[in-house]
N, C-alpha and C. Protein backbone atom coordinates (compact mmCIF):
# COMPACT_ATOMS: atom_id res chain seq x y z
N MET A 1 7.38 32.02 1.66
CA MET A 1 8.49 31.05 1.76
C MET A 1 7.82 30.17 2.64
N ALA A 2 8.42 28.27 1.83
CA ALA A 2 8.53 27.25 2.99
C ALA A 2 9.72 26.85 3.22
N THR A 3 9.17 26.10 4.43
CA THR A 3 10.65 25.35 5.27
C THR A 3 10.13 24.04 4.78
N VAL A 4 11.51 23.25 4.31
CA VAL A 4 11.39 22.01 3.52
C VAL A 4 12.55 21.43 4.43
N LEU A 5 12.46 20.05 4.66
CA LEU A 5 13.34 19.58 5.54
C LEU A 5 13.80 18.24 4.46
N VAL A 6 15.28 17.93 3.85
CA VAL A 6 15.84 17.24 2.84
C VAL A 6 16.79 16.56 3.94
N CYS A 7 16.23 15.36 3.96
CA CYS A 7 16.75 14.26 4.57
C CYS A 7 16.57 12.80 3.88
N TYR A 8 18.04 12.35 4.16
CA TYR A 8 18.83 11.11 3.34
C TYR A 8 19.51 10.09 4.07
N GLY A 9 19.73 9.15 3.25
CA GLY A 9 20.67 7.98 3.54
C GLY A 9 21.50 7.94 2.93
N THR A 10 22.20 7.68 2.42
CA THR A 10 23.81 7.59 1.73
C THR A 10 25.05 6.36 1.73
N SER A 11 25.52 6.05 1.30
CA SER A 11 26.63 4.75 1.40
C SER A 11 27.70 5.29 0.98
N GLU A 12 27.79 6.00 0.07
CA GLU A 12 28.95 6.48 -0.25
C GLU A 12 29.73 7.76 -0.75
N GLY A 13 27.83 8.27 -0.40
CA GLY A 13 28.00 9.84 -1.15
C GLY A 13 27.46 10.52 -2.25
N GLN A 14 27.04 9.45 -2.88
CA GLN A 14 26.56 10.19 -3.96
C GLN A 14 24.80 10.83 -3.84
N THR A 15 24.12 10.09 -2.75
CA THR A 15 22.38 10.92 -2.50
C THR A 15 22.93 12.08 -1.36
N LYS A 16 23.99 12.18 -0.78
CA LYS A 16 24.22 13.26 -0.02
C LYS A 16 24.72 14.63 -1.02
N LYS A 17 25.46 14.05 -2.06
CA LYS A 17 25.49 15.42 -3.29
C LYS A 17 24.04 15.71 -3.56
N VAL A 18 23.55 14.73 -4.05
CA VAL A 18 22.30 15.03 -4.94
C VAL A 18 21.39 15.90 -3.59
N ALA A 19 21.61 15.76 -2.51
CA ALA A 19 20.29 15.85 -1.01
C ALA A 19 20.92 17.50 -1.12
N GLY A 20 22.17 17.56 -2.00
CA GLY A 20 23.17 19.22 -1.48
C GLY A 20 22.44 20.22 -2.50
N ARG A 21 22.27 19.20 -3.76
CA ARG A 21 21.78 19.93 -4.91
C ARG A 21 20.48 20.69 -4.86
N ILE A 22 19.45 19.33 -4.50
CA ILE A 22 18.06 20.02 -4.23
C ILE A 22 17.54 21.38 -3.29
N ALA A 23 18.44 20.83 -1.88
CA ALA A 23 17.83 21.68 -0.91
C ALA A 23 19.24 23.68 -1.35
N SER A 24 20.16 23.34 -2.65
CA SER A 24 20.52 24.72 -3.17
C SER A 24 19.29 25.11 -3.72
N ILE A 25 19.04 24.14 -4.41
CA ILE A 25 17.97 25.19 -5.45
C ILE A 25 16.49 25.33 -4.68
N LEU A 26 15.96 24.84 -3.74
CA LEU A 26 15.05 25.22 -2.95
C LEU A 26 15.66 26.97 -2.34
N ARG A 27 16.75 26.77 -1.68
CA ARG A 27 17.29 27.90 -0.96
C ARG A 27 17.04 29.03 -2.01
N ARG A 28 17.60 28.96 -3.64
CA ARG A 28 17.94 30.06 -4.56
C ARG A 28 16.45 30.18 -4.95
N ARG A 29 15.39 28.91 -5.02
CA ARG A 29 13.67 29.52 -5.11
C ARG A 29 13.78 30.23 -4.01
N GLY A 30 14.56 30.70 -2.99
CA GLY A 30 13.61 32.10 -2.15
C GLY A 30 13.05 31.22 -0.62
N HIS A 31 13.46 29.89 -0.56
CA HIS A 31 12.40 28.35 0.69
C HIS A 31 14.16 28.26 1.61
N GLU A 32 13.20 28.09 2.81
CA GLU A 32 14.72 26.98 3.90
C GLU A 32 14.52 26.06 3.72
N ALA A 33 15.63 25.64 3.09
CA ALA A 33 15.73 24.30 3.16
C ALA A 33 17.10 23.44 4.16
N THR A 34 16.42 22.60 5.08
CA THR A 34 17.22 21.51 6.34
C THR A 34 17.66 20.37 5.54
N LYS A 35 18.89 20.45 5.36
CA LYS A 35 19.85 19.20 5.17
C LYS A 35 20.04 17.89 5.72
N VAL A 36 19.88 16.63 6.02
CA VAL A 36 20.12 15.64 7.38
C VAL A 36 20.21 14.05 6.71
N ASP A 37 21.40 14.28 7.61
CA ASP A 37 21.77 12.38 7.17
C ASP A 37 21.19 12.04 7.86
N LEU A 38 20.41 10.90 7.59
CA LEU A 38 19.23 9.99 9.04
C LEU A 38 20.38 9.27 8.58
N GLY A 39 21.32 8.59 9.12
CA GLY A 39 22.73 7.74 8.86
C GLY A 39 23.18 7.99 10.03
N SER A 40 23.49 9.28 10.53
CA SER A 40 23.56 10.12 11.59
C SER A 40 22.67 10.62 12.52
N ALA A 41 22.09 11.57 12.51
CA ALA A 41 20.82 11.99 13.03
C ALA A 41 19.58 12.03 12.65
N ALA A 42 18.68 11.15 13.18
CA ALA A 42 17.42 11.79 12.51
C ALA A 42 16.74 12.32 13.46
N PRO A 43 15.95 13.99 12.97
CA PRO A 43 15.05 14.37 13.48
C PRO A 43 13.70 14.29 13.91
N ASP A 44 13.50 15.17 15.10
CA ASP A 44 12.05 15.09 15.39
C ASP A 44 11.46 15.76 15.61
N ASP A 45 11.99 16.81 14.90
CA ASP A 45 10.89 17.36 14.39
C ASP A 45 10.08 18.13 13.80
N ILE A 46 9.53 16.84 13.24
CA ILE A 46 8.87 16.91 11.37
C ILE A 46 8.01 18.24 11.48
N GLU A 47 7.14 18.03 12.89
CA GLU A 47 6.24 19.09 12.57
C GLU A 47 6.43 20.79 12.11
N SER A 48 7.98 20.62 12.35
CA SER A 48 8.07 22.11 12.22
C SER A 48 8.45 22.58 10.77
N PHE A 49 8.25 21.86 9.96
CA PHE A 49 8.69 21.44 8.53
C PHE A 49 7.40 21.42 7.46
N ASP A 50 7.19 22.50 6.64
CA ASP A 50 5.98 22.62 6.27
C ASP A 50 6.08 21.67 4.96
N ALA A 51 7.55 21.00 4.84
CA ALA A 51 7.13 19.60 3.94
C ALA A 51 8.30 19.01 3.75
N VAL A 52 8.53 17.91 3.23
CA VAL A 52 9.55 16.83 3.13
C VAL A 52 10.16 16.28 1.95
N LEU A 53 11.42 16.49 2.04
CA LEU A 53 11.76 15.36 0.96
C LEU A 53 12.71 14.58 1.51
N VAL A 54 12.21 12.81 0.87
CA VAL A 54 13.37 12.34 1.80
C VAL A 54 14.31 11.42 0.48
N GLY A 55 15.31 11.16 0.85
CA GLY A 55 15.78 10.42 -0.81
C GLY A 55 16.88 8.58 0.09
N ALA A 56 17.04 7.97 -0.49
CA ALA A 56 17.42 7.05 -0.32
C ALA A 56 18.29 6.66 -1.56
N SER A 57 18.90 5.43 -1.79
CA SER A 57 19.91 5.09 -2.37
C SER A 57 19.50 3.32 -2.76
N ILE A 58 19.72 2.74 -3.75
CA ILE A 58 20.03 1.10 -3.76
C ILE A 58 21.17 0.52 -3.43
N HIS A 59 21.92 -0.56 -2.82
CA HIS A 59 22.91 -1.31 -2.67
C HIS A 59 22.55 -2.62 -2.67
N VAL A 60 22.22 -3.18 -4.06
CA VAL A 60 22.02 -4.80 -3.52
C VAL A 60 20.96 -5.20 -3.27
N GLY A 61 19.73 -4.15 -4.20
CA GLY A 61 18.86 -3.96 -4.05
C GLY A 61 17.94 -4.02 -2.62
N LYS A 62 18.75 -3.03 -1.53
CA LYS A 62 17.82 -2.50 -0.75
C LYS A 62 18.00 -1.18 -0.44
N HIS A 63 17.51 -0.47 0.25
CA HIS A 63 17.72 1.08 0.72
C HIS A 63 18.18 0.92 1.88
N GLN A 64 18.82 2.04 2.29
CA GLN A 64 19.31 2.37 3.95
C GLN A 64 18.47 2.06 4.75
N SER A 65 18.64 1.35 5.53
CA SER A 65 17.93 1.08 6.96
C SER A 65 17.18 2.39 7.01
N ALA A 66 18.40 3.29 7.82
CA ALA A 66 17.39 4.41 8.48
C ALA A 66 16.20 5.34 7.74
N VAL A 67 16.21 4.95 6.83
CA VAL A 67 15.94 5.93 5.33
C VAL A 67 14.80 5.51 6.21
N ALA A 68 14.18 4.04 5.72
CA ALA A 68 12.75 3.16 6.12
C ALA A 68 12.28 3.30 7.59
N SER A 69 13.37 3.30 8.28
CA SER A 69 12.63 3.58 10.31
C SER A 69 11.99 5.16 9.60
N PHE A 70 13.14 5.93 9.63
CA PHE A 70 12.62 7.14 9.71
C PHE A 70 11.39 7.14 9.14
N VAL A 71 10.59 6.51 7.22
CA VAL A 71 9.49 7.09 7.42
C VAL A 71 8.20 6.05 7.91
N ARG A 72 8.53 5.44 8.97
CA ARG A 72 7.62 4.21 9.29
C ARG A 72 7.83 5.38 10.35
N ASP A 73 8.30 5.18 11.21
CA ASP A 73 8.25 6.33 12.15
C ASP A 73 7.57 7.58 12.40
N HIS A 74 7.48 8.57 11.32
CA HIS A 74 7.15 9.45 10.97
C HIS A 74 6.05 9.66 10.01
N ARG A 75 5.59 8.50 9.93
CA ARG A 75 4.46 8.49 8.71
C ARG A 75 3.22 9.04 9.05
N GLU A 76 2.79 9.40 10.04
CA GLU A 76 1.84 10.47 10.47
C GLU A 76 2.09 11.36 10.19
N ALA A 77 2.82 12.10 10.70
CA ALA A 77 3.23 13.56 10.54
C ALA A 77 3.83 14.00 8.75
N LEU A 78 4.55 12.97 8.08
CA LEU A 78 4.63 12.69 6.55
C LEU A 78 2.91 13.28 5.98
N ALA A 79 1.97 11.97 6.64
CA ALA A 79 0.82 12.23 5.51
C ALA A 79 0.04 13.33 5.24
N LEU A 80 0.37 14.55 6.72
CA LEU A 80 0.29 15.83 6.94
C LEU A 80 0.57 16.77 6.37
N ARG A 81 1.99 16.69 5.47
CA ARG A 81 2.26 17.78 4.54
C ARG A 81 2.97 16.98 3.06
N PRO A 82 3.05 18.31 2.33
CA PRO A 82 3.54 17.63 1.09
C PRO A 82 5.28 17.21 1.54
N THR A 83 4.61 16.03 0.54
CA THR A 83 6.37 15.14 0.42
C THR A 83 7.04 14.32 -1.44
N GLY A 84 7.72 14.07 -0.65
CA GLY A 84 8.32 13.41 -2.20
C GLY A 84 9.55 12.43 -1.83
N PHE A 85 10.27 11.99 -2.55
CA PHE A 85 10.79 10.39 -2.14
C PHE A 85 11.73 11.09 -3.92
N PHE A 86 13.09 10.81 -3.49
CA PHE A 86 14.26 10.69 -4.38
C PHE A 86 15.34 9.37 -4.53
N GLN A 87 15.06 8.32 -5.42
CA GLN A 87 16.27 7.05 -5.49
C GLN A 87 16.75 7.29 -6.28
N LEU A 88 18.18 6.31 -5.81
CA LEU A 88 19.33 7.07 -6.60
C LEU A 88 19.69 5.14 -7.11
N SER A 89 19.99 5.33 -8.26
CA SER A 89 19.87 3.57 -8.20
C SER A 89 20.76 3.43 -9.81
N LEU A 90 21.55 2.05 -9.72
CA LEU A 90 22.49 1.72 -11.31
C LEU A 90 21.42 1.58 -12.04
N SER A 91 20.03 1.62 -11.52
CA SER A 91 19.10 0.68 -13.05
C SER A 91 18.44 1.64 -13.03
N SER A 92 18.52 3.34 -12.41
CA SER A 92 18.35 4.59 -13.60
C SER A 92 19.48 4.82 -14.23
N ALA A 93 20.28 4.59 -14.82
CA ALA A 93 21.67 5.13 -15.17
C ALA A 93 21.48 4.67 -17.05
N THR A 94 20.34 3.65 -17.00
CA THR A 94 20.31 3.42 -18.13
C THR A 94 19.01 3.91 -19.24
N ASP A 95 19.41 3.15 -20.29
CA ASP A 95 18.23 3.68 -21.19
C ASP A 95 17.30 2.25 -21.67
N ASP A 96 17.41 1.39 -20.77
CA ASP A 96 17.20 0.24 -20.91
C ASP A 96 15.68 0.37 -19.74
N GLU A 97 14.97 -0.42 -20.68
CA GLU A 97 13.15 0.02 -19.97
C GLU A 97 13.62 -0.94 -18.87
N GLN A 98 13.28 -2.40 -19.14
CA GLN A 98 13.29 -3.48 -18.20
C GLN A 98 14.47 -3.00 -16.66
N ARG A 99 15.91 -1.99 -16.71
CA ARG A 99 16.34 -1.94 -15.83
C ARG A 99 15.52 -0.47 -15.17
N ARG A 100 14.92 0.64 -15.76
CA ARG A 100 14.43 1.11 -15.22
C ARG A 100 12.84 1.00 -14.40
N ALA A 101 12.37 0.05 -15.30
CA ALA A 101 10.71 -1.28 -14.31
C ALA A 101 11.61 -0.99 -13.20
N GLU A 102 12.50 -1.82 -13.34
CA GLU A 102 13.39 -2.39 -11.56
C GLU A 102 13.41 -1.42 -10.70
N ALA A 103 14.04 -0.50 -11.70
CA ALA A 103 13.76 1.26 -10.45
C ALA A 103 12.57 1.62 -9.78
N ALA A 104 11.49 1.80 -10.74
CA ALA A 104 10.52 1.90 -9.86
C ALA A 104 9.74 1.03 -9.44
N ALA A 105 10.23 -0.41 -8.55
CA ALA A 105 9.85 -1.66 -8.72
C ALA A 105 10.58 -1.77 -7.21
N TYR A 106 11.86 -0.86 -7.35
CA TYR A 106 12.50 -0.66 -5.92
C TYR A 106 11.08 0.52 -4.67
N VAL A 107 10.69 0.86 -5.75
CA VAL A 107 10.15 2.17 -4.71
C VAL A 107 8.99 1.86 -4.26
N ASP A 108 8.25 0.52 -4.81
CA ASP A 108 7.05 -0.04 -5.03
C ASP A 108 7.39 -0.66 -3.57
N GLU A 109 8.25 -1.17 -3.81
CA GLU A 109 8.72 -1.90 -3.22
C GLU A 109 8.88 -1.34 -0.84
N PHE A 110 9.39 -0.15 -1.57
CA PHE A 110 9.03 0.63 -0.88
C PHE A 110 8.33 1.25 0.47
N VAL A 111 7.46 1.26 -0.59
CA VAL A 111 6.37 2.68 -0.21
C VAL A 111 5.38 1.33 0.35
N GLU A 112 5.32 0.37 -0.30
CA GLU A 112 4.14 -0.95 0.71
C GLU A 112 5.21 -1.19 2.04
N ALA A 113 6.28 -1.15 2.27
CA ALA A 113 6.96 -2.21 3.03
C ALA A 113 6.97 -1.07 4.42
N THR A 114 7.19 0.45 4.00
CA THR A 114 6.36 1.26 5.05
C THR A 114 5.23 2.38 5.36
N GLY A 115 4.47 2.06 4.10
CA GLY A 115 3.39 2.85 4.36
C GLY A 115 3.46 4.56 3.66
N PHE A 116 4.40 4.63 3.10
CA PHE A 116 5.14 5.92 2.78
C PHE A 116 4.02 6.42 1.36
N ARG A 117 3.27 7.44 1.89
CA ARG A 117 2.82 7.67 -0.08
C ARG A 117 3.23 8.92 -0.77
N PRO A 118 4.81 9.10 -1.19
CA PRO A 118 5.50 10.07 -1.27
C PRO A 118 4.25 11.14 -2.36
N ASP A 119 4.16 12.30 -2.00
CA ASP A 119 3.36 13.68 -3.70
C ASP A 119 4.37 13.42 -4.79
N ARG A 120 5.94 13.57 -4.81
CA ARG A 120 6.54 12.91 -5.96
C ARG A 120 7.24 12.37 -5.60
N ILE A 121 8.29 11.75 -7.28
CA ILE A 121 9.05 10.60 -6.15
C ILE A 121 9.61 10.93 -8.30
N GLY A 122 11.11 10.75 -7.59
CA GLY A 122 12.23 11.19 -8.38
C GLY A 122 13.56 10.15 -8.61
N LEU A 123 13.67 8.98 -9.98
CA LEU A 123 14.44 8.41 -10.08
C LEU A 123 16.03 8.88 -11.13
N PHE A 124 16.93 8.43 -9.89
CA PHE A 124 18.25 8.98 -10.48
C PHE A 124 18.88 7.81 -10.67
N GLY A 125 20.05 8.62 -11.82
CA GLY A 125 21.19 7.45 -11.61
C GLY A 125 22.44 7.46 -10.70
N GLY A 126 22.86 6.92 -9.97
CA GLY A 126 23.87 7.26 -9.07
C GLY A 126 25.08 6.97 -9.20
N ALA A 127 25.91 5.97 -8.97
CA ALA A 127 27.45 6.55 -8.84
C ALA A 127 28.01 4.69 -8.79
N LEU A 128 28.66 4.37 -8.68
CA LEU A 128 29.92 3.72 -8.54
C LEU A 128 31.07 4.40 -8.13
N ARG A 129 31.52 3.66 -6.27
CA ARG A 129 32.78 4.22 -6.08
C ARG A 129 33.60 3.39 -5.73
N TYR A 130 34.72 2.57 -7.05
CA TYR A 130 35.17 1.28 -6.79
C TYR A 130 36.18 1.80 -5.66
N SER A 131 36.42 3.13 -5.90
CA SER A 131 38.07 3.62 -4.98
C SER A 131 36.99 3.79 -3.68
N LYS A 132 35.69 3.59 -3.13
CA LYS A 132 35.23 3.18 -1.94
C LYS A 132 35.09 1.99 -0.83
N TYR A 133 34.69 0.97 -2.15
CA TYR A 133 34.51 -0.25 -1.99
C TYR A 133 35.45 -0.99 -1.12
N GLY A 134 35.20 -2.45 0.07
CA GLY A 134 36.17 -2.84 -0.14
C GLY A 134 36.01 -4.03 -0.92
N PHE A 135 37.76 -5.16 -0.30
CA PHE A 135 37.72 -6.50 -1.47
C PHE A 135 36.05 -7.02 -2.72
N LEU A 136 35.51 -7.78 -1.05
CA LEU A 136 34.17 -8.06 -1.73
C LEU A 136 33.04 -7.07 -2.73
N LYS A 137 32.65 -6.17 -1.71
CA LYS A 137 31.87 -5.50 -2.38
C LYS A 137 32.25 -4.32 -3.73
N ARG A 138 33.63 -4.68 -4.39
CA ARG A 138 33.75 -4.18 -5.48
C ARG A 138 33.74 -5.30 -6.25
N LEU A 139 34.27 -6.54 -6.20
CA LEU A 139 33.27 -8.11 -6.54
C LEU A 139 32.43 -7.74 -7.24
N VAL A 140 31.18 -7.69 -6.10
CA VAL A 140 29.57 -7.35 -6.05
C VAL A 140 29.27 -6.78 -6.97
N MET A 141 30.12 -5.15 -6.80
CA MET A 141 29.55 -4.47 -7.56
C MET A 141 30.01 -4.76 -9.49
N LYS A 142 31.33 -5.23 -9.30
CA LYS A 142 31.52 -5.05 -10.40
C LYS A 142 30.87 -6.23 -11.50
N ARG A 143 30.28 -6.76 -10.75
CA ARG A 143 29.12 -7.92 -11.44
C ARG A 143 28.04 -7.15 -11.81
N ILE A 144 27.24 -6.50 -10.95
CA ILE A 144 26.19 -5.49 -11.49
C ILE A 144 26.14 -4.87 -12.15
N ALA A 145 27.22 -4.10 -12.59
CA ALA A 145 28.17 -2.88 -12.83
C ALA A 145 27.81 -3.53 -14.33
N ALA A 146 28.66 -5.21 -14.27
CA ALA A 146 28.78 -5.46 -15.93
C ALA A 146 26.81 -5.60 -16.77
N ASP A 147 26.11 -6.12 -15.67
CA ASP A 147 24.63 -6.02 -16.75
C ASP A 147 24.14 -4.42 -16.74
N ALA A 148 24.41 -3.52 -15.86
CA ALA A 148 23.73 -2.52 -15.76
C ALA A 148 24.57 -1.75 -16.65
N THR A 149 25.96 -0.81 -16.45
CA THR A 149 26.09 0.11 -17.07
C THR A 149 27.43 -0.31 -17.69
N GLY A 150 27.89 -1.76 -17.72
CA GLY A 150 29.26 -2.47 -18.35
C GLY A 150 30.22 -1.08 -17.62
N ASP A 151 30.27 -0.76 -16.76
CA ASP A 151 31.87 -0.07 -16.20
C ASP A 151 32.38 -0.91 -14.80
N THR A 152 32.92 -1.64 -15.88
CA THR A 152 33.77 -2.86 -14.48
C THR A 152 35.63 -1.97 -14.14
N ASP A 153 35.88 -1.36 -14.92
CA ASP A 153 37.09 -0.79 -15.06
C ASP A 153 37.68 -0.40 -12.83
N THR A 154 37.71 -1.03 -12.17
CA THR A 154 37.76 -0.91 -10.69
C THR A 154 38.26 0.29 -10.58
N ARG A 155 39.28 1.17 -11.41
CA ARG A 155 40.52 1.67 -11.35
C ARG A 155 40.06 2.82 -11.02
N ARG A 156 39.27 3.32 -11.40
CA ARG A 156 38.11 4.50 -11.48
C ARG A 156 36.50 4.59 -10.53
N ASP A 157 35.99 6.06 -10.58
CA ASP A 157 35.08 5.37 -10.19
C ASP A 157 33.99 6.32 -11.32
N TYR A 158 32.35 6.53 -11.46
CA TYR A 158 31.50 6.87 -12.32
C TYR A 158 30.78 7.22 -11.36
N GLU A 159 30.40 8.23 -12.25
CA GLU A 159 29.17 9.08 -11.55
C GLU A 159 27.76 8.69 -13.43
N TYR A 160 26.39 8.68 -12.41
CA TYR A 160 25.45 8.42 -13.47
C TYR A 160 24.22 10.05 -13.32
N THR A 161 24.99 10.39 -12.24
CA THR A 161 23.34 11.55 -11.63
C THR A 161 22.79 12.61 -12.69
N ASP A 162 22.16 12.74 -13.67
CA ASP A 162 21.93 13.42 -14.78
C ASP A 162 20.71 14.93 -13.52
N TRP A 163 21.90 15.69 -13.76
CA TRP A 163 21.38 17.80 -12.60
C TRP A 163 20.44 17.43 -13.29
N ALA A 164 20.59 17.79 -14.28
CA ALA A 164 19.43 18.49 -15.68
C ALA A 164 17.86 18.07 -14.74
N GLU A 165 17.87 16.49 -14.22
CA GLU A 165 16.51 15.73 -13.73
C GLU A 165 16.50 16.39 -12.62
N VAL A 166 17.21 16.40 -12.22
CA VAL A 166 17.63 16.61 -10.58
C VAL A 166 16.79 18.11 -10.13
N ALA A 167 17.37 18.81 -11.35
CA ALA A 167 16.99 20.13 -11.19
C ALA A 167 15.40 20.38 -11.03
N ALA A 168 15.28 20.11 -12.92
CA ALA A 168 13.46 19.77 -13.03
C ALA A 168 12.67 18.92 -11.80
N PHE A 169 13.17 17.74 -11.36
CA PHE A 169 12.71 17.52 -9.99
C PHE A 169 12.09 18.33 -9.06
N THR A 170 13.56 18.93 -8.68
CA THR A 170 12.99 19.80 -7.91
C THR A 170 12.44 21.16 -7.55
N LYS A 171 12.41 21.27 -8.85
CA LYS A 171 11.63 23.48 -9.07
C LYS A 171 9.86 22.46 -9.62
N ASP A 172 9.50 21.16 -10.03
CA ASP A 172 8.48 20.49 -9.56
C ASP A 172 7.68 20.03 -8.21
N PHE A 173 8.70 19.98 -7.29
CA PHE A 173 8.44 19.45 -6.20
C PHE A 173 8.39 20.81 -5.78
N ALA A 174 9.20 22.16 -5.94
CA ALA A 174 8.73 23.42 -5.00
C ALA A 174 7.47 23.76 -5.21
N ALA A 175 7.16 23.57 -6.69
CA ALA A 175 5.91 24.22 -7.44
C ALA A 175 4.64 23.82 -6.58
N PHE A 176 4.69 22.36 -6.11
CA PHE A 176 3.51 21.28 -6.06
C PHE A 176 3.25 22.03 -4.36
N VAL A 177 4.44 22.08 -3.76
CA VAL A 177 4.61 22.92 -2.55
C VAL A 177 4.07 24.42 -2.15
N GLU A 178 3.86 25.16 -3.44
CA GLU A 178 3.70 26.49 -3.08
C GLU A 178 2.10 26.64 -3.72
N GLY A 179 2.06 25.22 -4.53
CA GLY A 179 0.64 25.57 -4.50
C GLY A 179 -0.33 25.06 -2.75
N ARG A 180 0.20 23.99 -2.90
CA ARG A 180 -0.36 23.11 -1.64
C ARG A 180 -0.63 24.08 -0.97
N LEU A 181 0.27 25.07 -0.27
CA LEU A 181 0.39 25.69 1.14
C LEU A 181 -0.20 27.00 0.69
N ALA A 182 0.14 27.40 -1.00
CA ALA A 182 -0.46 28.40 -1.64
C ALA A 182 0.00 29.73 -0.96
N VAL A 183 1.07 29.25 -1.04
CA VAL A 183 3.03 30.34 -0.87
C VAL A 183 3.75 30.95 -1.81
N ASP A 184 3.72 31.58 -2.56
CA ASP A 184 4.49 32.08 -3.57
C ASP A 184 6.30 31.53 -3.45
N SER A 185 6.67 31.55 -4.34
CA SER A 185 7.96 31.57 -4.84
C SER A 185 9.38 32.91 -4.14
N PRO A 186 9.69 33.25 -3.48
CA PRO A 186 10.51 35.00 -2.73
C PRO A 186 11.15 34.50 -4.33
N ALA A 187 11.93 34.02 -4.87
CA ALA A 187 12.92 34.19 -6.14
C ALA A 187 12.22 33.75 -7.40
N GLY A 188 11.23 33.70 -7.49
CA GLY A 188 11.02 33.18 -9.01
C GLY A 188 11.12 32.34 -8.82
N ASP A 189 11.55 31.84 -10.40
CA ASP A 189 12.17 30.67 -11.13
C ASP A 189 13.64 30.52 -11.29
N ALA A 190 14.66 31.39 -11.04
CA ALA A 190 15.52 31.70 -11.16
C ALA A 190 16.60 30.53 -10.64
N VAL A 191 16.62 29.19 -11.20
CA VAL A 191 17.56 28.47 -11.12
C VAL A 191 18.29 27.74 -11.51
N GLU A 192 19.33 27.68 -11.51
CA GLU A 192 20.53 27.07 -12.89
C GLU A 192 20.55 25.61 -11.95
N SER A 193 20.75 25.01 -13.07
CA SER A 193 20.84 23.45 -12.80
C SER A 193 22.19 23.30 -12.67
N GLY A 194 22.93 24.09 -12.51
CA GLY A 194 24.68 23.52 -12.24
C GLY A 194 24.89 24.00 -10.57
N ASP A 195 23.62 24.63 -10.31
CA ASP A 195 23.79 25.06 -8.75
C ASP A 195 24.20 23.94 -7.73
N SER A 196 25.12 24.66 -7.04
CA SER A 196 25.67 22.75 -6.23
C SER A 196 25.58 23.78 -4.98
N ASP A 197 25.20 22.44 -4.09
CA ASP A 197 25.21 22.21 -2.21
C ASP A 197 26.50 21.51 -1.54
N GLU A 198 27.22 21.43 -1.39
CA GLU A 198 28.16 20.21 -0.81
C GLU A 198 28.11 20.56 1.01
N ARG A 199 27.47 21.30 1.44
CA ARG A 199 27.66 21.86 2.40
C ARG A 199 27.33 20.45 3.81
């Protein structure tokens, strides 16, 4: 069994939802997963975990500052263990190659700015939470969405996360950790893509 820290930054809750799903899949695989919102409290005991997954979302071209601060502060400890990074954005919510390249560029910029070198990277579609935006942010996000997804009806919210992709990423990361640490998956590969953990 491996102990995995799943830490993340979130703005309207979609990255939290993805982190919960990832933690649930890891637990069903037989590992111990601890989920932490970096916007609330950053863990100091990185050394107590065998592996670390870091998640963030893109809002107006930027990741949450708490996530960048966390990986900069713990760069040396992160480099000593298996790590992964997952990112949510509207750029990953389309099939447009240019927009998907834009999503990858956000990760490249993050890696360059922080010195964090994750072993695995997952790029997922995020969500539009018009119901949670203030007036000005709703206007900005509507403009961005017009180019990215075309979903500009501010009377409803939109979710673009492909949960099968999240499950595949998590299983790949778990297999990598198991191989690197020479541990078996206590529960084998019995993972349901629909598993959820919103705690």
